[in-house]
Amino acid sequence: MISYGVLTIYAALAVWAGLLVRGFMRGRYSWFLLWGIGLLLVLNIRYIIEGAPDAIAFFIGIYDVLDNLGASEGSAAMASCPDNACTVWGETYTSHPAWGVAFHERFVTGPDWRTNLLYGHIICNSVAFVLMHIQMLRPGGSPKGGSHKMLGKVTFGFLTISVICAVLLSAQHGDVGEYGGSWSTWGFYSMSAVVYSCAVMGVLAIRKRDVETHRIWMWRFAGSMWGSFWLFRVMLFVLGPILVEYQAAALLICIWFSAPFGVIIAEVMRRRLDNRAPLGMPAE
């Protein structure tokens, strides 16, 4: 069975990679950012339309292809699931990333409140992600801020709910060996702390009327958000097949390092843009 949905995602990722190369060549990243935002919404809206189990099966299907290419019989990071229901590839792949099997099982057989926390995290994180870009591309320019200030409060509110849901979900990972047990719990706590602390530092700066420091921390916040969502998934896409013989190794690396790496990348980009443009000019 061929999953044309997953193949479409691969095609979208290929286009996105091309837009990244184009951005490097021209020094303008607008289309790369817009494509990434759109693709994030496509992946996340599936949870609301199809429900968590089906959306998770689709998500696992994205990783099935490469992970199976790198796997051998009995690979520690691979597992099977009942009736092969945790993928959209039918019987094409009967072994799947072990973290994916556990992910699917936890939301098929788990309590409703766990699924509701997942929905809360996904919805609020998606809204915060979109509003974050509106804020950065249309800066307020002063501590008083007007609509920029109001939208910032809304963004921070959605982010807060998203982080709370994420922390509550992470607290349940201690006994999930496929995730890495307590290492995954503390890793997700760390990810949440990186994201939220960047946002909080930006809020504290603007309360002190320090517009420039606020702008710097909002860049870092944006980097942490991109890191925890997109860099996490891209790293897992690459590391999964490489570390397929080590249970949870690839996932743990992504959990612990994606958000900090995102902050570092955003900081490098901000400094490069600041060197070529007046301070306060929106990034493209």
Protein backbone atom coordinates (compact mmCIF):
# COMPACT_ATOMS: atom_id res chain seq x y z
CA MET A 1 0.00 0.00 0.00
CA ILE A 2 1.36 3.42 -0.99
CA SER A 3 0.67 6.43 1.21
CA TYR A 4 0.26 9.29 -1.21
CA GLY A 5 -0.21 11.63 1.74
CA VAL A 6 3.28 10.84 3.05
CA LEU A 7 4.72 11.14 -0.47
CA THR A 8 3.11 14.58 -0.70
CA ILE A 9 4.82 15.56 2.54
CA TYR A 10 8.15 14.38 1.10
CA ALA A 11 7.54 16.52 -1.98
CA ALA A 12 6.67 19.50 0.24
CA LEU A 13 9.87 18.98 2.23
CA ALA A 14 11.88 18.89 -1.00
CA VAL A 15 10.36 22.19 -2.09
CA TRP A 16 11.04 23.62 1.37
CA ALA A 17 14.70 22.59 1.13
CA GLY A 18 14.86 24.40 -2.20
CA LEU A 19 13.40 27.51 -0.61
CA LEU A 20 16.05 27.32 2.10
CA VAL A 21 18.81 27.21 -0.52
CA ARG A 22 17.16 30.12 -2.29
CA GLY A 23 17.09 32.00 1.00
CA PHE A 24 20.81 31.46 1.56
CA MET A 25 21.58 32.67 -1.95
CA ARG A 26 19.42 35.80 -1.77
CA GLY A 27 19.52 36.53 1.94
CA ARG A 28 15.72 36.59 2.08
CA TYR A 29 13.77 33.88 3.90
CA SER A 30 10.15 34.99 3.57
CA TRP A 31 9.04 32.08 1.38
CA PHE A 32 10.95 29.57 3.50
CA LEU A 33 9.22 30.85 6.64
CA LEU A 34 5.77 30.91 5.05
CA TRP A 35 6.19 27.39 3.67
CA GLY A 36 7.29 26.12 7.10
CA ILE A 37 4.33 27.75 8.81
CA GLY A 38 1.91 26.30 6.27
CA LEU A 39 3.38 22.81 6.53
CA LEU A 40 3.22 22.96 10.32
CA LEU A 41 -0.48 23.83 10.13
CA VAL A 42 -1.13 21.00 7.66
CA LEU A 43 0.45 18.48 10.04
CA ASN A 44 -1.20 19.85 13.18
CA ILE A 45 -4.69 20.39 11.79
CA ARG A 46 -4.82 16.66 10.99
CA TYR A 47 -5.09 16.01 14.74
CA ILE A 48 -8.25 18.08 14.94
CA ILE A 49 -9.84 16.73 11.75
CA GLU A 50 -8.89 13.04 11.96
CA GLY A 51 -8.35 12.57 15.69
CA ALA A 52 -5.11 11.77 17.49
CA PRO A 53 -4.72 8.05 16.58
CA ASP A 54 -5.04 8.58 12.81
CA ALA A 55 -2.91 11.72 12.83
CA ILE A 56 -0.21 9.91 14.81
CA ALA A 57 -0.31 7.00 12.35
CA PHE A 58 0.29 9.48 9.54
CA PHE A 59 3.15 11.08 11.47
CA ILE A 60 4.76 7.66 12.06
CA GLY A 61 4.35 6.90 8.37
CA ILE A 62 6.66 9.80 7.55
CA TYR A 63 9.47 8.09 9.49
CA ASP A 64 8.68 4.50 8.50
CA VAL A 65 10.41 4.71 5.14
CA LEU A 66 13.90 5.80 6.16
CA ASP A 67 13.91 3.99 9.50
CA ASN A 68 13.11 0.71 7.77
CA LEU A 69 15.87 1.33 5.24
CA GLY A 70 18.38 1.59 8.07
CA ALA A 71 16.95 -1.20 10.24
CA SER A 72 17.91 -4.83 10.46
CA GLU A 73 15.94 -7.69 11.99
CA GLY A 74 15.66 -7.10 15.71
CA SER A 75 16.84 -3.46 15.66
CA ALA A 76 16.41 -2.05 19.16
CA ALA A 77 14.71 1.15 18.01
CA MET A 78 12.05 -0.67 15.94
CA ALA A 79 8.82 -2.36 17.07
CA SER A 80 5.51 -3.65 15.78
CA CYS A 81 2.02 -2.60 16.75
CA PRO A 82 -1.32 -4.48 17.03
CA ASP A 83 -2.92 -5.06 13.60
CA ASN A 84 -0.27 -2.72 12.15
CA ALA A 85 -2.67 0.13 12.90
CA CYS A 86 0.04 2.67 13.77
CA THR A 87 0.95 3.49 10.17
CA VAL A 88 -0.65 4.63 6.93
CA TRP A 89 1.45 2.26 4.82
CA GLY A 90 -0.75 -0.81 5.31
CA GLU A 91 1.36 -3.97 5.27
CA THR A 92 4.22 -2.29 3.41
CA TYR A 93 5.99 -1.75 6.73
CA THR A 94 5.33 -3.94 9.76
CA SER A 95 8.20 -2.52 11.83
CA HIS A 96 8.04 1.06 13.00
CA PRO A 97 10.03 3.45 15.18
CA ALA A 98 9.52 2.18 18.73
CA TRP A 99 8.80 5.71 19.97
CA GLY A 100 6.05 5.92 17.33
CA VAL A 101 4.45 2.65 18.40
CA ALA A 102 4.41 3.84 22.02
CA PHE A 103 3.09 7.26 20.94
CA HIS A 104 0.21 5.69 19.03
CA GLU A 105 -0.64 3.19 21.76
CA ARG A 106 -0.72 5.84 24.49
CA PHE A 107 -3.39 7.81 22.65
CA VAL A 108 -5.41 4.82 21.43
CA THR A 109 -5.77 3.15 24.82
CA GLY A 110 -5.03 6.10 27.13
CA PRO A 111 -7.52 8.23 29.06
CA ASP A 112 -9.44 11.06 27.41
CA TRP A 113 -7.71 13.70 29.51
CA ARG A 114 -4.36 12.69 28.00
CA THR A 115 -5.73 13.18 24.50
CA ASN A 116 -7.28 16.50 25.53
CA LEU A 117 -3.91 17.68 26.80
CA LEU A 118 -2.39 16.75 23.44
CA TYR A 119 -5.08 18.71 21.59
CA GLY A 120 -4.58 21.67 23.92
CA HIS A 121 -0.84 21.64 23.30
CA ILE A 122 -1.16 21.32 19.52
CA ILE A 123 -3.86 23.97 19.09
CA CYS A 124 -2.29 26.55 21.40
CA ASN A 125 1.23 25.94 20.12
CA SER A 126 0.04 26.35 16.51
CA VAL A 127 -1.71 29.63 17.31
CA ALA A 128 1.33 30.95 19.20
CA PHE A 129 3.61 29.90 16.33
CA VAL A 130 1.58 31.85 13.76
CA LEU A 131 1.09 34.94 15.95
CA MET A 132 4.81 34.96 16.79
CA HIS A 133 5.63 35.57 13.14
CA ILE A 134 3.04 38.33 12.80
CA GLN A 135 4.65 39.99 15.80
CA MET A 136 8.17 39.73 14.39
CA LEU A 137 7.30 40.81 10.86
CA ARG A 138 5.25 43.77 12.09
CA PRO A 139 7.14 45.06 15.16
CA GLY A 140 5.47 47.63 17.38
CA GLY A 141 8.52 49.86 17.66
CA SER A 142 7.75 51.21 21.14
CA PRO A 143 7.03 49.94 24.66
CA LYS A 144 3.43 51.22 24.38
CA GLY A 145 2.95 49.16 21.28
CA GLY A 146 -0.83 49.36 20.63
CA SER A 147 -2.04 46.34 18.70
CA HIS A 148 1.44 44.82 18.81
CA LYS A 149 1.31 44.85 22.60
CA MET A 150 -2.17 43.33 22.70
CA LEU A 151 -1.26 40.62 20.20
CA GLY A 152 1.86 39.89 22.23
CA LYS A 153 -0.28 39.25 25.30
CA VAL A 154 -2.52 36.91 23.31
CA THR A 155 0.51 35.06 21.95
CA PHE A 156 2.00 34.70 25.42
CA GLY A 157 -1.32 33.40 26.75
CA PHE A 158 -1.57 30.67 24.11
CA LEU A 159 2.09 29.81 24.65
CA THR A 160 1.52 29.45 28.40
CA ILE A 161 -1.36 27.01 27.90
CA SER A 162 0.68 25.08 25.34
CA VAL A 163 3.66 24.75 27.68
CA ILE A 164 1.49 23.69 30.62
CA CYS A 165 -0.08 20.95 28.50
CA ALA A 166 3.36 19.85 27.29
CA VAL A 167 4.75 19.65 30.82
CA LEU A 168 1.77 17.64 32.06
CA LEU A 169 2.14 15.22 29.15
CA SER A 170 5.89 14.92 29.74
CA ALA A 171 5.37 14.08 33.40
CA GLN A 172 3.86 10.75 32.29
CA HIS A 173 6.89 9.60 30.26
CA GLY A 174 8.96 8.19 33.10
CA ASP A 175 7.87 4.59 32.51
CA VAL A 176 7.90 4.75 28.68
CA GLY A 177 11.15 3.05 27.76
CA GLU A 178 10.61 3.67 24.04
CA TYR A 179 10.85 7.41 24.74
CA GLY A 180 13.89 7.05 26.96
CA GLY A 181 12.10 6.93 30.31
CA SER A 182 12.87 9.70 32.78
CA TRP A 183 15.50 11.09 30.41
CA SER A 184 12.70 12.02 28.02
CA THR A 185 10.66 13.56 30.84
CA TRP A 186 13.49 15.84 31.89
CA GLY A 187 14.40 16.49 28.27
CA PHE A 188 10.91 17.76 27.50
CA TYR A 189 11.00 19.80 30.71
CA SER A 190 14.24 21.31 29.41
CA MET A 191 12.69 22.03 26.01
CA SER A 192 9.71 23.72 27.64
CA ALA A 193 12.02 25.76 29.87
CA VAL A 194 14.10 26.98 26.92
CA VAL A 195 11.03 28.05 24.96
CA TYR A 196 9.20 29.67 27.85
CA SER A 197 12.22 31.36 29.41
CA CYS A 198 13.04 33.09 26.10
CA ALA A 199 9.48 34.41 25.92
CA VAL A 200 9.50 35.49 29.57
CA MET A 201 12.81 37.34 29.13
CA GLY A 202 11.28 39.19 26.18
CA VAL A 203 8.24 40.15 28.25
CA LEU A 204 10.41 41.37 31.15
CA ALA A 205 12.53 43.45 28.77
CA ILE A 206 9.57 45.27 27.23
CA ARG A 207 8.11 45.93 30.68
CA LYS A 208 11.35 47.78 31.38
CA ARG A 209 10.83 49.65 28.09
CA ASP A 210 13.96 48.06 26.66
CA VAL A 211 12.77 47.59 23.07
CA GLU A 212 16.07 46.34 21.68
CA THR A 213 16.57 43.64 24.34
CA HIS A 214 12.94 42.64 23.85
CA ARG A 215 13.56 42.23 20.11
CA ILE A 216 16.65 40.10 20.75
CA TRP A 217 14.83 37.76 23.12
CA MET A 218 11.90 37.45 20.73
CA TRP A 219 14.32 36.28 18.05
CA ARG A 220 15.62 33.67 20.47
CA PHE A 221 12.07 32.69 21.36
CA ALA A 222 11.25 32.24 17.67
CA GLY A 223 14.37 30.10 17.30
CA SER A 224 13.33 27.92 20.22
CA MET A 225 9.88 27.44 18.70
CA TRP A 226 11.30 26.51 15.30
CA GLY A 227 13.81 24.25 17.01
CA SER A 228 11.31 22.42 19.19
CA PHE A 229 8.96 21.81 16.28
CA TRP A 230 10.82 21.70 12.97
CA LEU A 231 14.44 21.08 13.95
CA PHE A 232 13.22 18.30 16.26
CA ARG A 233 11.44 16.56 13.40
CA VAL A 234 14.19 17.06 10.85
CA MET A 235 16.84 15.80 13.26
CA LEU A 236 14.72 12.74 14.03
CA PHE A 237 14.25 12.14 10.30
CA VAL A 238 18.04 12.06 9.85
CA LEU A 239 19.14 10.42 13.11
CA GLY A 240 16.45 7.71 13.23
CA PRO A 241 17.98 5.50 10.51
CA ILE A 242 21.53 6.15 11.78
CA LEU A 243 20.80 5.21 15.41
CA VAL A 244 18.23 2.53 14.69
CA GLU A 245 20.17 -0.04 16.71
CA TYR A 246 19.93 2.05 19.90
CA GLN A 247 16.52 2.38 21.50
CA ALA A 248 15.43 5.97 22.07
CA ALA A 249 18.90 7.40 21.28
CA ALA A 250 17.76 9.44 18.28
CA LEU A 251 14.64 10.67 20.06
CA LEU A 252 16.53 11.73 23.18
CA ILE A 253 19.08 13.69 21.17
CA CYS A 254 16.25 15.54 19.45
CA ILE A 255 14.40 16.20 22.71
CA TRP A 256 17.43 17.63 24.50
CA PHE A 257 19.11 19.59 21.73
CA SER A 258 16.52 20.80 19.19
CA ALA A 259 15.32 23.86 21.14
CA PRO A 260 18.83 25.08 22.17
CA PHE A 261 20.09 24.56 18.62
CA GLY A 262 17.12 26.57 17.38
CA VAL A 263 18.06 29.45 19.68
CA ILE A 264 21.65 29.36 18.43
CA ILE A 265 20.57 29.38 14.77
CA ALA A 266 18.19 32.28 15.38
CA GLU A 267 20.91 34.24 17.16
CA VAL A 268 23.33 33.74 14.27
CA MET A 269 20.69 34.82 11.75
CA ARG A 270 19.71 37.87 13.81
CA ARG A 271 23.30 39.07 14.04
CA ARG A 272 23.85 38.63 10.33
CA LEU A 273 20.69 40.56 9.51
CA ASP A 274 21.58 43.29 12.01
CA ASN A 275 24.94 43.71 10.31
CA ARG A 276 23.29 44.52 7.00
CA ALA A 277 20.11 46.36 8.08
CA PRO A 278 19.09 49.06 10.58
CA LEU A 279 18.03 47.77 13.99
CA GLY A 280 14.34 47.13 14.31
CA MET A 281 13.88 46.31 10.65
CA PRO A 282 11.66 43.22 10.22
CA ALA A 283 13.36 39.99 9.07
CA GLU A 284 12.48 38.68 5.63
